[in-house]
Protein backbone atom coordinates (compact mmCIF):
# COMPACT_ATOMS: atom_id res chain seq x y z
CA UNK A 1 6.96 3.06 3.81
CA UNK A 2 9.44 2.95 0.90
CA UNK A 3 11.23 5.70 -0.06
CA UNK A 4 13.90 6.49 -2.26
CA UNK A 5 15.61 9.86 -2.56
CA UNK A 6 18.32 10.65 -5.38
CA UNK A 7 20.43 13.87 -6.08
CA UNK A 8 20.85 15.35 -9.46
CA UNK A 9 19.39 12.20 -11.25
CA UNK A 10 21.56 9.74 -9.12
CA UNK A 11 20.25 6.13 -8.10
CA UNK A 12 19.53 7.02 -4.65
CA UNK A 13 19.34 4.84 -1.50
CA UNK A 14 16.20 3.87 -0.49
CA UNK A 15 15.01 4.28 3.01
CA UNK A 16 11.89 3.30 5.49
CA UNK A 17 10.13 5.06 7.82
CA UNK A 18 10.22 3.97 11.36
CA UNK A 19 7.18 3.54 14.21
CA UNK A 20 5.99 7.17 13.53
CA UNK A 21 6.13 7.47 10.38
CA UNK A 22 8.96 9.73 9.90
CA UNK A 23 12.84 9.14 8.01
CA UNK A 24 15.52 11.19 9.61
CA UNK A 25 18.24 12.14 6.98
CA UNK A 26 21.30 13.86 7.94
CA UNK A 27 24.40 15.36 6.30
CA UNK A 28 23.40 15.05 2.79
CA UNK A 29 25.47 18.21 0.77
CA UNK A 30 23.90 21.49 -0.41
CA UNK A 31 21.71 20.68 -3.02
CA UNK A 32 18.43 19.79 -5.09
CA UNK A 33 17.03 15.93 -3.95
CA UNK A 34 14.39 14.41 -5.63
CA UNK A 35 12.07 12.03 -2.52
CA UNK A 36 9.84 9.12 -3.87
CA UNK A 37 7.34 6.96 -2.61
CA UNK A 38 8.66 3.61 -3.61
CA UNK A 39 6.01 1.67 -1.67
CA UNK A 40 3.17 2.31 0.68
CA UNK A 41 2.00 0.83 3.38
CA UNK A 42 -0.81 -1.74 2.98
CA UNK A 43 -4.09 -0.99 2.17
CA UNK A 44 -2.85 2.45 1.99
CA UNK A 45 -2.40 4.21 -2.40
CA UNK A 46 0.45 6.64 -2.73
CA UNK A 47 -0.60 10.44 -3.65
CA UNK A 48 2.15 12.20 -3.79
CA UNK A 49 4.26 10.95 -6.29
CA UNK A 50 7.62 12.66 -6.24
CA UNK A 51 8.63 15.86 -4.26
CA UNK A 52 11.70 17.55 -4.56
CA UNK A 53 13.70 19.80 -2.27
CA UNK A 54 16.12 21.86 -2.06
CA UNK A 55 18.57 22.11 0.73
CA UNK A 56 20.02 25.24 1.74
CA UNK A 57 23.35 25.85 4.88
CA UNK A 58 21.61 25.79 8.05
CA UNK A 59 17.51 24.68 6.90
CA UNK A 60 16.02 22.60 8.29
CA UNK A 61 13.07 20.69 5.50
CA UNK A 62 10.19 18.81 6.60
CA UNK A 63 8.27 17.37 3.83
CA UNK A 64 4.84 15.57 4.63
CA UNK A 65 3.83 13.43 2.84
CA UNK A 66 0.06 12.53 2.55
CA UNK A 67 -1.26 8.45 1.23
CA UNK A 68 -5.01 7.74 1.46
CA UNK A 69 -6.63 4.68 2.62
CA UNK A 70 -7.74 2.33 0.34
CA UNK A 71 -11.37 1.93 0.52
CA UNK A 72 -12.86 -1.04 1.32
CA UNK A 73 -16.07 -3.10 1.14
CA UNK A 74 -18.03 -5.52 1.63
CA UNK A 75 -19.14 -9.27 -0.07
CA UNK A 76 -21.82 -11.08 1.30
CA UNK A 77 -21.59 -15.06 0.03
CA UNK A 78 -24.71 -17.54 -0.57
CA UNK A 79 -24.63 -20.67 -2.02
CA UNK A 80 -28.20 -22.26 -2.93
CA UNK A 81 -30.29 -24.77 -4.69
CA UNK A 82 -30.64 -24.34 -8.17
CA UNK A 83 -33.79 -26.63 -7.59
CA UNK A 84 -35.65 -25.01 -4.27
CA UNK A 85 -33.63 -22.13 -3.74
CA UNK A 86 -33.19 -23.41 -0.25
CA UNK A 87 -29.45 -21.72 1.08
CA UNK A 88 -26.60 -24.14 1.39
CA UNK A 89 -24.72 -23.48 4.28
CA UNK A 90 -21.04 -24.15 5.05
CA UNK A 91 -20.11 -23.85 1.13
CA UNK A 92 -16.65 -22.43 1.27
CA UNK A 93 -15.16 -19.72 -1.42
CA UNK A 94 -11.57 -18.67 -2.17
CA UNK A 95 -11.54 -14.83 -2.19
CA UNK A 96 -9.71 -13.44 -5.01
CA UNK A 97 -8.25 -9.90 -6.48
CA UNK A 98 -8.58 -9.43 -10.15
CA UNK A 99 -5.19 -7.42 -11.14
CA UNK A 100 -4.07 -6.50 -14.77
CA UNK A 101 -6.18 -9.39 -16.63
CA UNK A 102 -4.96 -12.08 -13.76
CA UNK A 103 -6.79 -13.12 -10.43
CA UNK A 104 -4.78 -13.90 -7.46
CA UNK A 105 -5.22 -14.64 -3.58
CA UNK A 106 -6.22 -12.39 -1.10
CA UNK A 107 -3.95 -12.91 1.83
CA UNK A 108 -4.91 -11.22 5.52
CA UNK A 109 -1.60 -12.41 8.05
CA UNK A 110 -0.30 -14.50 5.38
CA UNK A 111 -3.15 -17.41 5.43
CA UNK A 112 -5.33 -17.46 1.69
CA UNK A 113 -8.97 -15.68 3.00
CA UNK A 114 -11.66 -18.63 2.26
CA UNK A 115 -14.99 -18.06 3.15
CA UNK A 116 -18.50 -19.84 3.80
CA UNK A 117 -21.70 -19.82 2.62
CA UNK A 118 -25.08 -18.94 4.82
CA UNK A 119 -22.29 -17.88 8.21
């Protein structure tokens, strides 16, 4: 995930979690800091918006931020003949997602998702 921290209203540095999901910040001056998750990992949603931390002399502070997996669903596509109602296999459908009144293609591994009817 992508996080930003700041002190006393200052614009802060952007930090990224490592392969273990951790960020370590060292050598900060004592004071109050705010950590904000800017961008969760793909497939997750932010559950904690901001975390304030008070740093005091010789104290290690550990913050745990929990993200929730986005729910998933399934759709079966079936194209049928309008007169006979028999299935027509092989019709291709591009999967689009609505966000803020606009539809954009769904991507997996950098490619648009296209599914075939009856498969």
